[in-house]
Amino acid sequence: MILTIDTREQAPLQFPKVKGVEVRVETLAVGDYGAWHGEVRDSSIVERKSISDLYHAFTANYDAERAKMLKAQMLGLTFILAIEAPFLEVLKGHAYWKDGQSHEVRKTGLAMCRQL
């Protein structure tokens, strides 16, 4: 088995060495992580999002995220969105620091969960 990590992944996960599993960094057509079983590509692709990436991607950058999902569908891939936060944290909404002040994202956590 080969696990693939996209070259654009800024802080890639570190996988432990496991017999029979190779980890490669390469440019993926869509997503952050994929896999190969011998010569056969796995039909799933994983898009990883931190909570701040999630809120940014599904508000200000939604068209690009939607395009990724449609591209995965066109390629016959199952698009898995892996959010690095529990549901209840997403539901709370998101705040961030900018210019020394705390700011709340306009989209509520409930609206985000409904969109997802």
PDB file of N, CA and C in Angstrom:
ATOM      1  N   MET A   1       0.853  -1.180   0.000  1.00  0.00           N
ATOM      2  CA  MET A   1       0.000   0.000   0.000  1.00  0.00           C
ATOM      3  C   MET A   1       0.892   1.234   0.000  1.00  0.00           C
ATOM      4  N   ILE A   2       0.432   2.246  -0.710  1.00  0.00           N
ATOM      5  CA  ILE A   2       1.137   3.526  -0.755  1.00  0.00           C
ATOM      6  C   ILE A   2       0.173   4.611  -0.289  1.00  0.00           C
ATOM      7  N   LEU A   3       0.551   5.367   0.724  1.00  0.00           N
ATOM      8  CA  LEU A   3      -0.201   6.541   1.156  1.00  0.00           C
ATOM      9  C   LEU A   3       0.404   7.743   0.452  1.00  0.00           C
ATOM     10  N   THR A   4      -0.439   8.577  -0.130  1.00  0.00           N
ATOM     11  CA  THR A   4       0.063   9.755  -0.833  1.00  0.00           C
ATOM     12  C   THR A   4      -0.361  11.020  -0.092  1.00  0.00           C
ATOM     13  N   ILE A   5       0.578  11.950  -0.018  1.00  0.00           N
ATOM     14  CA  ILE A   5       0.340  13.253   0.602  1.00  0.00           C
ATOM     15  C   ILE A   5       0.550  14.299  -0.481  1.00  0.00           C
ATOM     16  N   ASP A   6      -0.389  15.209  -0.621  1.00  0.00           N
ATOM     17  CA  ASP A   6      -0.261  16.249  -1.633  1.00  0.00           C
ATOM     18  C   ASP A   6       0.906  17.184  -1.312  1.00  0.00           C
ATOM     19  N   THR A   7       1.615  17.601  -2.354  1.00  0.00           N
ATOM     20  CA  THR A   7       2.773  18.487  -2.176  1.00  0.00           C
ATOM     21  C   THR A   7       2.375  19.843  -1.605  1.00  0.00           C
ATOM     22  N   ARG A   8       1.120  20.243  -1.754  1.00  0.00           N
ATOM     23  CA  ARG A   8       0.667  21.543  -1.251  1.00  0.00           C
ATOM     24  C   ARG A   8       0.231  21.507   0.204  1.00  0.00           C
ATOM     25  N   GLU A   9       0.210  20.329   0.806  1.00  0.00           N
ATOM     26  CA  GLU A   9      -0.181  20.198   2.214  1.00  0.00           C
ATOM     27  C   GLU A   9       0.879  20.890   3.065  1.00  0.00           C
ATOM     28  N   GLN A  10       0.492  21.932   3.801  1.00  0.00           N
ATOM     29  CA  GLN A  10       1.447  22.771   4.526  1.00  0.00           C
ATOM     30  C   GLN A  10       2.005  22.128   5.785  1.00  0.00           C
ATOM     31  N   ALA A  11       1.198  21.394   6.498  1.00  0.00           N
ATOM     32  CA  ALA A  11       1.645  20.731   7.729  1.00  0.00           C
ATOM     33  C   ALA A  11       1.184  19.266   7.658  1.00  0.00           C
ATOM     34  N   PRO A  12       1.836  18.463   6.821  1.00  0.00           N
ATOM     35  CA  PRO A  12       1.353  17.092   6.614  1.00  0.00           C
ATOM     36  C   PRO A  12       1.422  16.242   7.874  1.00  0.00           C
ATOM     37  N   LEU A  13       0.489  15.298   7.954  1.00  0.00           N
ATOM     38  CA  LEU A  13       0.501  14.340   9.051  1.00  0.00           C
ATOM     39  C   LEU A  13       1.765  13.483   8.949  1.00  0.00           C
ATOM     40  N   GLN A  14       2.275  13.078  10.076  1.00  0.00           N
ATOM     41  CA  GLN A  14       3.434  12.191  10.118  1.00  0.00           C
ATOM     42  C   GLN A  14       2.928  10.774  10.375  1.00  0.00           C
ATOM     43  N   PHE A  15       3.168   9.890   9.436  1.00  0.00           N
ATOM     44  CA  PHE A  15       2.723   8.513   9.573  1.00  0.00           C
ATOM     45  C   PHE A  15       3.855   7.652  10.105  1.00  0.00           C
ATOM     46  N   PRO A  16       3.573   6.773  11.054  1.00  0.00           N
ATOM     47  CA  PRO A  16       4.629   5.883  11.559  1.00  0.00           C
ATOM     48  C   PRO A  16       5.021   4.873  10.479  1.00  0.00           C
ATOM     49  N   LYS A  17       6.240   4.406  10.565  1.00  0.00           N
ATOM     50  CA  LYS A  17       6.691   3.385   9.618  1.00  0.00           C
ATOM     51  C   LYS A  17       5.966   2.080   9.930  1.00  0.00           C
ATOM     52  N   VAL A  18       5.358   1.521   8.886  1.00  0.00           N
ATOM     53  CA  VAL A  18       4.631   0.264   9.004  1.00  0.00           C
ATOM     54  C   VAL A  18       5.069  -0.629   7.851  1.00  0.00           C
ATOM     55  N   LYS A  19       5.348  -1.863   8.156  1.00  0.00           N
ATOM     56  CA  LYS A  19       5.779  -2.802   7.125  1.00  0.00           C
ATOM     57  C   LYS A  19       4.701  -2.909   6.044  1.00  0.00           C
ATOM     58  N   GLY A  20       5.123  -2.779   4.806  1.00  0.00           N
ATOM     59  CA  GLY A  20       4.209  -2.894   3.679  1.00  0.00           C
ATOM     60  C   GLY A  20       3.494  -1.615   3.309  1.00  0.00           C
ATOM     61  N   VAL A  21       3.797  -0.518   4.025  1.00  0.00           N
ATOM     62  CA  VAL A  21       3.164   0.768   3.722  1.00  0.00           C
ATOM     63  C   VAL A  21       4.263   1.784   3.416  1.00  0.00           C
ATOM     64  N   GLU A  22       4.167   2.377   2.241  1.00  0.00           N
ATOM     65  CA  GLU A  22       5.104   3.416   1.818  1.00  0.00           C
ATOM     66  C   GLU A  22       4.360   4.741   1.803  1.00  0.00           C
ATOM     67  N   VAL A  23       5.016   5.817   2.217  1.00  0.00           N
ATOM     68  CA  VAL A  23       4.417   7.147   2.193  1.00  0.00           C
ATOM     69  C   VAL A  23       5.155   7.959   1.136  1.00  0.00           C
ATOM     70  N   ARG A  24       4.389   8.540   0.223  1.00  0.00           N
ATOM     71  CA  ARG A  24       4.971   9.359  -0.850  1.00  0.00           C
ATOM     72  C   ARG A  24       4.330  10.739  -0.846  1.00  0.00           C
ATOM     73  N   VAL A  25       5.141  11.729  -1.175  1.00  0.00           N
ATOM     74  CA  VAL A  25       4.643  13.089  -1.356  1.00  0.00           C
ATOM     75  C   VAL A  25       4.602  13.341  -2.859  1.00  0.00           C
ATOM     76  N   GLU A  26       3.421  13.665  -3.356  1.00  0.00           N
ATOM     77  CA  GLU A  26       3.259  13.936  -4.783  1.00  0.00           C
ATOM     78  C   GLU A  26       2.074  14.878  -4.978  1.00  0.00           C
ATOM     79  N   THR A  27       1.981  15.447  -6.158  1.00  0.00           N
ATOM     80  CA  THR A  27       0.865  16.337  -6.451  1.00  0.00           C
ATOM     81  C   THR A  27      -0.372  15.507  -6.756  1.00  0.00           C
ATOM     82  N   LEU A  28      -1.415  15.717  -5.962  1.00  0.00           N
ATOM     83  CA  LEU A  28      -2.680  15.029  -6.174  1.00  0.00           C
ATOM     84  C   LEU A  28      -3.613  15.931  -6.976  1.00  0.00           C
ATOM     85  N   ALA A  29      -4.464  15.336  -7.792  1.00  0.00           N
ATOM     86  CA  ALA A  29      -5.411  16.109  -8.589  1.00  0.00           C
ATOM     87  C   ALA A  29      -6.402  16.859  -7.708  1.00  0.00           C
ATOM     88  N   VAL A  30      -6.744  16.253  -6.590  1.00  0.00           N
ATOM     89  CA  VAL A  30      -7.681  16.853  -5.640  1.00  0.00           C
ATOM     90  C   VAL A  30      -7.434  16.212  -4.280  1.00  0.00           C
ATOM     91  N   GLY A  31      -7.657  16.963  -3.214  1.00  0.00           N
ATOM     92  CA  GLY A  31      -7.509  16.422  -1.867  1.00  0.00           C
ATOM     93  C   GLY A  31      -6.097  16.531  -1.322  1.00  0.00           C
ATOM     94  N   ASP A  32      -5.971  16.136  -0.047  1.00  0.00           N
ATOM     95  CA  ASP A  32      -4.692  16.209   0.657  1.00  0.00           C
ATOM     96  C   ASP A  32      -4.028  14.848   0.817  1.00  0.00           C
ATOM     97  N   TYR A  33      -4.833  13.784   0.903  1.00  0.00           N
ATOM     98  CA  TYR A  33      -4.308  12.439   1.138  1.00  0.00           C
ATOM     99  C   TYR A  33      -5.057  11.433   0.270  1.00  0.00           C
ATOM    100  N   GLY A  34      -4.312  10.468  -0.214  1.00  0.00           N
ATOM    101  CA  GLY A  34      -4.902   9.396  -1.005  1.00  0.00           C
ATOM    102  C   GLY A  34      -4.159   8.105  -0.732  1.00  0.00           C
ATOM    103  N   ALA A  35      -4.484   7.060  -1.471  1.00  0.00           N
ATOM    104  CA  ALA A  35      -3.824   5.762  -1.275  1.00  0.00           C
ATOM    105  C   ALA A  35      -3.860   4.965  -2.573  1.00  0.00           C
ATOM    106  N   TRP A  36      -2.886   4.077  -2.684  1.00  0.00           N
ATOM    107  CA  TRP A  36      -2.807   3.114  -3.788  1.00  0.00           C
ATOM    108  C   TRP A  36      -2.683   1.729  -3.183  1.00  0.00           C
ATOM    109  N   HIS A  37      -3.364   0.795  -3.780  1.00  0.00           N
ATOM    110  CA  HIS A  37      -3.272  -0.615  -3.392  1.00  0.00           C
ATOM    111  C   HIS A  37      -2.656  -1.317  -4.591  1.00  0.00           C
ATOM    112  N   GLY A  38      -1.345  -1.490  -4.568  1.00  0.00           N
ATOM    113  CA  GLY A  38      -0.650  -2.018  -5.739  1.00  0.00           C
ATOM    114  C   GLY A  38      -0.734  -0.987  -6.854  1.00  0.00           C
ATOM    115  N   GLU A  39      -1.300  -1.375  -7.983  1.00  0.00           N
ATOM    116  CA  GLU A  39      -1.441  -0.455  -9.126  1.00  0.00           C
ATOM    117  C   GLU A  39      -2.819   0.206  -9.175  1.00  0.00           C
ATOM    118  N   VAL A  40      -3.642  -0.027  -8.173  1.00  0.00           N
ATOM    119  CA  VAL A  40      -5.014   0.482  -8.171  1.00  0.00           C
ATOM    120  C   VAL A  40      -5.149   1.635  -7.173  1.00  0.00           C
ATOM    121  N   ARG A  41      -5.617   2.783  -7.686  1.00  0.00           N
ATOM    122  CA  ARG A  41      -5.840   3.941  -6.822  1.00  0.00           C
ATOM    123  C   ARG A  41      -7.094   3.706  -5.986  1.00  0.00           C
ATOM    124  N   ASP A  42      -7.023   4.029  -4.710  1.00  0.00           N
ATOM    125  CA  ASP A  42      -8.193   3.944  -3.847  1.00  0.00           C
ATOM    126  C   ASP A  42      -9.224   4.948  -4.341  1.00  0.00           C
ATOM    127  N   SER A  43     -10.474   4.616  -4.227  1.00  0.00           N
ATOM    128  CA  SER A  43     -11.531   5.493  -4.737  1.00  0.00           C
ATOM    129  C   SER A  43     -11.897   6.620  -3.777  1.00  0.00           C
ATOM    130  N   SER A  44     -11.204   6.725  -2.649  1.00  0.00           N
ATOM    131  CA  SER A  44     -11.451   7.794  -1.686  1.00  0.00           C
ATOM    132  C   SER A  44     -10.285   8.766  -1.652  1.00  0.00           C
ATOM    133  N   ILE A  45     -10.607  10.007  -1.395  1.00  0.00           N
ATOM    134  CA  ILE A  45      -9.589  11.046  -1.238  1.00  0.00           C
ATOM    135  C   ILE A  45      -9.971  11.831   0.025  1.00  0.00           C
ATOM    136  N   VAL A  46      -8.988  12.256   0.782  1.00  0.00           N
ATOM    137  CA  VAL A  46      -9.246  12.953   2.044  1.00  0.00           C
ATOM    138  C   VAL A  46      -8.798  14.404   1.929  1.00  0.00           C
ATOM    139  N   GLU A  47      -9.693  15.301   2.267  1.00  0.00           N
ATOM    140  CA  GLU A  47      -9.404  16.737   2.356  1.00  0.00           C
ATOM    141  C   GLU A  47      -9.428  17.091   3.831  1.00  0.00           C
ATOM    142  N   ARG A  48      -8.293  17.500   4.373  1.00  0.00           N
ATOM    143  CA  ARG A  48      -8.152  17.777   5.806  1.00  0.00           C
ATOM    144  C   ARG A  48      -8.315  19.266   6.067  1.00  0.00           C
ATOM    145  N   LYS A  49      -9.095  19.605   7.082  1.00  0.00           N
ATOM    146  CA  LYS A  49      -9.321  21.008   7.438  1.00  0.00           C
ATOM    147  C   LYS A  49      -9.219  21.218   8.940  1.00  0.00           C
ATOM    148  N   SER A  50      -8.456  22.229   9.333  1.00  0.00           N
ATOM    149  CA  SER A  50      -8.516  22.690  10.717  1.00  0.00           C
ATOM    150  C   SER A  50      -9.813  23.489  10.836  1.00  0.00           C
ATOM    151  N   ILE A  51     -10.196  23.842  12.031  1.00  0.00           N
ATOM    152  CA  ILE A  51     -11.455  24.580  12.193  1.00  0.00           C
ATOM    153  C   ILE A  51     -11.383  25.952  11.530  1.00  0.00           C
ATOM    154  N   SER A  52     -10.239  26.625  11.616  1.00  0.00           N
ATOM    155  CA  SER A  52     -10.136  27.937  10.960  1.00  0.00           C
ATOM    156  C   SER A  52     -10.141  27.780   9.444  1.00  0.00           C
ATOM    157  N   ASP A  53      -9.462  26.752   8.913  1.00  0.00           N
ATOM    158  CA  ASP A  53      -9.507  26.488   7.467  1.00  0.00           C
ATOM    159  C   ASP A  53     -10.928  26.179   7.020  1.00  0.00           C
ATOM    160  N   LEU A  54     -11.640  25.422   7.824  1.00  0.00           N
ATOM    161  CA  LEU A  54     -13.013  25.048   7.498  1.00  0.00           C
ATOM    162  C   LEU A  54     -13.886  26.291   7.329  1.00  0.00           C
ATOM    163  N   TYR A  55     -13.847  27.184   8.319  1.00  0.00           N
ATOM    164  CA  TYR A  55     -14.685  28.376   8.249  1.00  0.00           C
ATOM    165  C   TYR A  55     -14.276  29.284   7.097  1.00  0.00           C
ATOM    166  N   HIS A  56     -12.985  29.404   6.849  1.00  0.00           N
ATOM    167  CA  HIS A  56     -12.530  30.224   5.715  1.00  0.00           C
ATOM    168  C   HIS A  56     -12.962  29.591   4.388  1.00  0.00           C
ATOM    169  N   ALA A  57     -12.719  28.290   4.251  1.00  0.00           N
ATOM    170  CA  ALA A  57     -12.995  27.606   2.991  1.00  0.00           C
ATOM    171  C   ALA A  57     -14.482  27.567   2.653  1.00  0.00           C
ATOM    172  N   PHE A  58     -15.336  27.437   3.660  1.00  0.00           N
ATOM    173  CA  PHE A  58     -16.758  27.299   3.386  1.00  0.00           C
ATOM    174  C   PHE A  58     -17.525  28.612   3.544  1.00  0.00           C
ATOM    175  N   THR A  59     -16.797  29.721   3.639  1.00  0.00           N
ATOM    176  CA  THR A  59     -17.436  31.038   3.596  1.00  0.00           C
ATOM    177  C   THR A  59     -16.792  31.844   2.469  1.00  0.00           C
ATOM    178  N   ALA A  60     -15.631  32.421   2.712  1.00  0.00           N
ATOM    179  CA  ALA A  60     -14.979  33.293   1.737  1.00  0.00           C
ATOM    180  C   ALA A  60     -14.497  32.555   0.495  1.00  0.00           C
ATOM    181  N   ASN A  61     -14.213  31.277   0.615  1.00  0.00           N
ATOM    182  CA  ASN A  61     -13.603  30.531  -0.492  1.00  0.00           C
ATOM    183  C   ASN A  61     -14.478  29.357  -0.938  1.00  0.00           C
ATOM    184  N   TYR A  62     -15.795  29.469  -0.775  1.00  0.00           N
ATOM    185  CA  TYR A  62     -16.679  28.334  -1.021  1.00  0.00           C
ATOM    186  C   TYR A  62     -16.650  27.843  -2.469  1.00  0.00           C
ATOM    187  N   ASP A  63     -16.567  28.747  -3.421  1.00  0.00           N
ATOM    188  CA  ASP A  63     -16.561  28.316  -4.824  1.00  0.00           C
ATOM    189  C   ASP A  63     -15.388  27.386  -5.119  1.00  0.00           C
ATOM    190  N   ALA A  64     -14.227  27.676  -4.554  1.00  0.00           N
ATOM    191  CA  ALA A  64     -13.048  26.817  -4.755  1.00  0.00           C
ATOM    192  C   ALA A  64     -13.253  25.460  -4.086  1.00  0.00           C
ATOM    193  N   GLU A  65     -13.849  25.440  -2.896  1.00  0.00           N
ATOM    194  CA  GLU A  65     -14.104  24.170  -2.209  1.00  0.00           C
ATOM    195  C   GLU A  65     -15.123  23.332  -2.964  1.00  0.00           C
ATOM    196  N   ARG A  66     -16.149  23.974  -3.448  1.00  0.00           N
ATOM    197  CA  ARG A  66     -17.166  23.268  -4.228  1.00  0.00           C
ATOM    198  C   ARG A  66     -16.540  22.689  -5.499  1.00  0.00           C
ATOM    199  N   ALA A  67     -15.650  23.447  -6.132  1.00  0.00           N
ATOM    200  CA  ALA A  67     -14.967  22.967  -7.338  1.00  0.00           C
ATOM    201  C   ALA A  67     -14.138  21.719  -7.036  1.00  0.00           C
ATOM    202  N   LYS A  68     -13.505  21.668  -5.852  1.00  0.00           N
ATOM    203  CA  LYS A  68     -12.745  20.475  -5.456  1.00  0.00           C
ATOM    204  C   LYS A  68     -13.660  19.259  -5.348  1.00  0.00           C
ATOM    205  N   MET A  69     -14.809  19.448  -4.726  1.00  0.00           N
ATOM    206  CA  MET A  69     -15.746  18.341  -4.558  1.00  0.00           C
ATOM    207  C   MET A  69     -16.273  17.852  -5.908  1.00  0.00           C
ATOM    208  N   LEU A  70     -16.575  18.787  -6.792  1.00  0.00           N
ATOM    209  CA  LEU A  70     -17.061  18.412  -8.116  1.00  0.00           C
ATOM    210  C   LEU A  70     -15.977  17.719  -8.940  1.00  0.00           C
ATOM    211  N   LYS A  71     -14.733  18.182  -8.799  1.00  0.00           N
ATOM    212  CA  LYS A  71     -13.622  17.537  -9.504  1.00  0.00           C
ATOM    213  C   LYS A  71     -13.435  16.107  -9.009  1.00  0.00           C
ATOM    214  N   ALA A  72     -13.512  15.909  -7.702  1.00  0.00           N
ATOM    215  CA  ALA A  72     -13.408  14.561  -7.146  1.00  0.00           C
ATOM    216  C   ALA A  72     -14.513  13.675  -7.712  1.00  0.00           C
ATOM    217  N   GLN A  73     -15.719  14.203  -7.766  1.00  0.00           N
ATOM    218  CA  GLN A  73     -16.848  13.444  -8.315  1.00  0.00           C
ATOM    219  C   GLN A  73     -16.593  13.092  -9.775  1.00  0.00           C
ATOM    220  N   MET A  74     -16.090  14.059 -10.546  1.00  0.00           N
ATOM    221  CA  MET A  74     -15.797  13.834 -11.955  1.00  0.00           C
ATOM    222  C   MET A  74     -14.737  12.742 -12.137  1.00  0.00           C
ATOM    223  N   LEU A  75     -13.795  12.680 -11.205  1.00  0.00           N
ATOM    224  CA  LEU A  75     -12.726  11.672 -11.262  1.00  0.00           C
ATOM    225  C   LEU A  75     -13.163  10.328 -10.678  1.00  0.00           C
ATOM    226  N   GLY A  76     -14.395  10.250 -10.207  1.00  0.00           N
ATOM    227  CA  GLY A  76     -14.906   9.007  -9.640  1.00  0.00           C
ATOM    228  C   GLY A  76     -14.402   8.730  -8.237  1.00  0.00           C
ATOM    229  N   LEU A  77     -14.047   9.800  -7.517  1.00  0.00           N
ATOM    230  CA  LEU A  77     -13.510   9.655  -6.168  1.00  0.00           C
ATOM    231  C   LEU A  77     -14.558  10.012  -5.118  1.00  0.00           C
ATOM    232  N   THR A  78     -14.511   9.319  -3.997  1.00  0.00           N
ATOM    233  CA  THR A  78     -15.322   9.682  -2.841  1.00  0.00           C
ATOM    234  C   THR A  78     -14.548  10.729  -2.064  1.00  0.00           C
ATOM    235  N   PHE A  79     -15.141  11.898  -1.885  1.00  0.00           N
ATOM    236  CA  PHE A  79     -14.498  13.034  -1.222  1.00  0.00           C
ATOM    237  C   PHE A  79     -14.803  12.963   0.269  1.00  0.00           C
ATOM    238  N   ILE A  80     -13.781  12.786   1.073  1.00  0.00           N
ATOM    239  CA  ILE A  80     -13.943  12.716   2.526  1.00  0.00           C
ATOM    240  C   ILE A  80     -13.394  13.999   3.134  1.00  0.00           C
ATOM    241  N   LEU A  81     -14.237  14.747   3.815  1.00  0.00           N
ATOM    242  CA  LEU A  81     -13.814  15.960   4.499  1.00  0.00           C
ATOM    243  C   LEU A  81     -13.487  15.594   5.942  1.00  0.00           C
ATOM    244  N   ALA A  82     -12.215  15.668   6.289  1.00  0.00           N
ATOM    245  CA  ALA A  82     -11.763  15.328   7.639  1.00  0.00           C
ATOM    246  C   ALA A  82     -11.519  16.624   8.409  1.00  0.00           C
ATOM    247  N   ILE A  83     -12.387  16.911   9.357  1.00  0.00           N
ATOM    248  CA  ILE A  83     -12.302  18.142  10.143  1.00  0.00           C
ATOM    249  C   ILE A  83     -11.587  17.831  11.445  1.00  0.00           C
ATOM    250  N   GLU A  84     -10.565  18.606  11.748  1.00  0.00           N
ATOM    251  CA  GLU A  84      -9.751  18.378  12.941  1.00  0.00           C
ATOM    252  C   GLU A  84     -10.381  18.983  14.181  1.00  0.00           C
ATOM    253  N   ALA A  85     -11.668  18.766  14.345  1.00  0.00           N
ATOM    254  CA  ALA A  85     -12.369  19.278  15.520  1.00  0.00           C
ATOM    255  C   ALA A  85     -13.643  18.465  15.682  1.00  0.00           C
ATOM    256  N   PRO A  86     -14.081  18.282  16.923  1.00  0.00           N
ATOM    257  CA  PRO A  86     -15.350  17.578  17.133  1.00  0.00           C
ATOM    258  C   PRO A  86     -16.537  18.444  16.687  1.00  0.00           C
ATOM    259  N   PHE A  87     -17.635  17.782  16.414  1.00  0.00           N
ATOM    260  CA  PHE A  87     -18.853  18.449  15.959  1.00  0.00           C
ATOM    261  C   PHE A  87     -19.239  19.620  16.865  1.00  0.00           C
ATOM    262  N   LEU A  88     -19.184  19.417  18.187  1.00  0.00           N
ATOM    263  CA  LEU A  88     -19.607  20.471  19.118  1.00  0.00           C
ATOM    264  C   LEU A  88     -18.725  21.714  19.022  1.00  0.00           C
ATOM    265  N   GLU A  89     -17.448  21.539  18.662  1.00  0.00           N
ATOM    266  CA  GLU A  89     -16.572  22.696  18.485  1.00  0.00           C
ATOM    267  C   GLU A  89     -16.959  23.470  17.229  1.00  0.00           C
ATOM    268  N   VAL A  90     -17.273  22.765  16.166  1.00  0.00           N
ATOM    269  CA  VAL A  90     -17.740  23.422  14.933  1.00  0.00           C
ATOM    270  C   VAL A  90     -19.047  24.159  15.218  1.00  0.00           C
ATOM    271  N   LEU A  91     -19.922  23.539  15.977  1.00  0.00           N
ATOM    272  CA  LEU A  91     -21.225  24.106  16.306  1.00  0.00           C
ATOM    273  C   LEU A  91     -21.108  25.414  17.104  1.00  0.00           C
ATOM    274  N   LYS A  92     -20.026  25.573  17.875  1.00  0.00           N
ATOM    275  CA  LYS A  92     -19.823  26.786  18.677  1.00  0.00           C
ATOM    276  C   LYS A  92     -19.570  28.021  17.826  1.00  0.00           C
ATOM    277  N   GLY A  93     -19.141  27.827  16.592  1.00  0.00           N
ATOM    278  CA  GLY A  93     -18.737  28.961  15.761  1.00  0.00           C
ATOM    279  C   GLY A  93     -17.232  29.109  15.816  1.00  0.00           C
ATOM    280  N   HIS A  94     -16.733  30.187  15.258  1.00  0.00           N
ATOM    281  CA  HIS A  94     -15.280  30.353  15.212  1.00  0.00           C
ATOM    282  C   HIS A  94     -14.887  31.803  15.464  1.00  0.00           C
ATOM    283  N   ALA A  95     -13.899  31.970  16.319  1.00  0.00           N
ATOM    284  CA  ALA A  95     -13.316  33.288  16.596  1.00  0.00           C
ATOM    285  C   ALA A  95     -11.838  33.222  16.239  1.00  0.00           C
ATOM    286  N   TYR A  96     -11.275  34.358  15.868  1.00  0.00           N
ATOM    287  CA  TYR A  96      -9.853  34.416  15.518  1.00  0.00           C
ATOM    288  C   TYR A  96      -9.279  35.765  15.936  1.00  0.00           C
ATOM    289  N   TRP A  97      -7.959  35.809  16.043  1.00  0.00           N
ATOM    290  CA  TRP A  97      -7.260  37.037  16.423  1.00  0.00           C
ATOM    291  C   TRP A  97      -6.728  37.725  15.179  1.00  0.00           C
ATOM    292  N   LYS A  98      -6.955  39.045  15.092  1.00  0.00           N
ATOM    293  CA  LYS A  98      -6.402  39.848  14.003  1.00  0.00           C
ATOM    294  C   LYS A  98      -6.141  41.238  14.552  1.00  0.00           C
ATOM    295  N   ASP A  99      -4.961  41.736  14.322  1.00  0.00           N
ATOM    296  CA  ASP A  99      -4.572  43.071  14.783  1.00  0.00           C
ATOM    297  C   ASP A  99      -4.779  43.245  16.283  1.00  0.00           C
ATOM    298  N   GLY A 100      -4.497  42.187  17.047  1.00  0.00           N
ATOM    299  CA  GLY A 100      -4.588  42.250  18.494  1.00  0.00           C
ATOM    300  C   GLY A 100      -5.999  42.196  19.052  1.00  0.00           C
ATOM    301  N   GLN A 101      -6.987  41.905  18.213  1.00  0.00           N
ATOM    302  CA  GLN A 101      -8.368  41.842  18.677  1.00  0.00           C
ATOM    303  C   GLN A 101      -9.009  40.527  18.268  1.00  0.00           C
ATOM    304  N   SER A 102      -9.954  40.090  19.066  1.00  0.00           N
ATOM    305  CA  SER A 102     -10.707  38.880  18.761  1.00  0.00           C
ATOM    306  C   SER A 102     -11.870  39.232  17.826  1.00  0.00           C
ATOM    307  N   HIS A 103     -12.059  38.413  16.814  1.00  0.00           N
ATOM    308  CA  HIS A 103     -13.144  38.611  15.844  1.00  0.00           C
ATOM    309  C   HIS A 103     -13.954  37.319  15.740  1.00  0.00           C
ATOM    310  N   GLU A 104     -15.245  37.440  15.566  1.00  0.00           N
ATOM    311  CA  GLU A 104     -16.127  36.289  15.365  1.00  0.00           C
ATOM    312  C   GLU A 104     -16.422  36.173  13.874  1.00  0.00           C
ATOM    313  N   VAL A 105     -16.387  34.961  13.366  1.00  0.00           N
ATOM    314  CA  VAL A 105     -16.812  34.720  11.996  1.00  0.00           C
ATOM    315  C   VAL A 105     -18.312  34.971  11.933  1.00  0.00           C
ATOM    316  N   ARG A 106     -18.788  35.593  10.861  1.00  0.00           N
ATOM    317  CA  ARG A 106     -20.219  35.938  10.761  1.00  0.00           C
ATOM    318  C   ARG A 106     -21.109  34.702  10.681  1.00  0.00           C
ATOM    319  N   LYS A 107     -20.636  33.649  10.034  1.00  0.00           N
ATOM    320  CA  LYS A 107     -21.439  32.435   9.903  1.00  0.00           C
ATOM    321  C   LYS A 107     -21.513  31.745  11.256  1.00  0.00           C
ATOM    322  N   THR A 108     -22.709  31.423  11.678  1.00  0.00           N
ATOM    323  CA  THR A 108     -22.866  30.737  12.962  1.00  0.00           C
ATOM    324  C   THR A 108     -22.426  29.282  12.826  1.00  0.00           C
ATOM    325  N   GLY A 109     -22.134  28.676  13.939  1.00  0.00           N
ATOM    326  CA  GLY A 109     -21.767  27.274  13.941  1.00  0.00           C
ATOM    327  C   GLY A 109     -22.883  26.389  13.416  1.00  0.00           C
ATOM    328  N   LEU A 110     -24.126  26.747  13.744  1.00  0.00           N
ATOM    329  CA  LEU A 110     -25.277  25.990  13.260  1.00  0.00           C
ATOM    330  C   LEU A 110     -25.366  26.079  11.735  1.00  0.00           C
ATOM    331  N   ALA A 111     -25.150  27.271  11.202  1.00  0.00           N
ATOM    332  CA  ALA A 111     -25.184  27.455   9.748  1.00  0.00           C
ATOM    333  C   ALA A 111     -24.074  26.618   9.088  1.00  0.00           C
ATOM    334  N   MET A 112     -22.905  26.579   9.705  1.00  0.00           N
ATOM    335  CA  MET A 112     -21.802  25.787   9.158  1.00  0.00           C
ATOM    336  C   MET A 112     -22.169  24.307   9.146  1.00  0.00           C
ATOM    337  N   CYS A 113     -22.704  23.823  10.255  1.00  0.00           N
ATOM    338  CA  CYS A 113     -23.076  22.402  10.341  1.00  0.00           C
ATOM    339  C   CYS A 113     -24.151  22.056   9.320  1.00  0.00           C
ATOM    340  N   ARG A 114     -25.099  22.937   9.113  1.00  0.00           N
ATOM    341  CA  ARG A 114     -26.141  22.697   8.119  1.00  0.00           C
ATOM    342  C   ARG A 114     -25.549  22.668   6.715  1.00  0.00           C
ATOM    343  N   GLN A 115     -24.599  23.562   6.443  1.00  0.00           N
ATOM    344  CA  GLN A 115     -23.959  23.595   5.132  1.00  0.00           C
ATOM    345  C   GLN A 115     -23.176  22.302   4.879  1.00  0.00           C
ATOM    346  N   LEU A 116     -22.479  21.842   5.907  1.00  0.00           N
ATOM    347  CA  LEU A 116     -21.703  20.613   5.741  1.00  0.00           C
ATOM    348  C   LEU A 116     -22.611  19.423   5.497  1.00  0.00           C
TER     349      LEU A 116
END
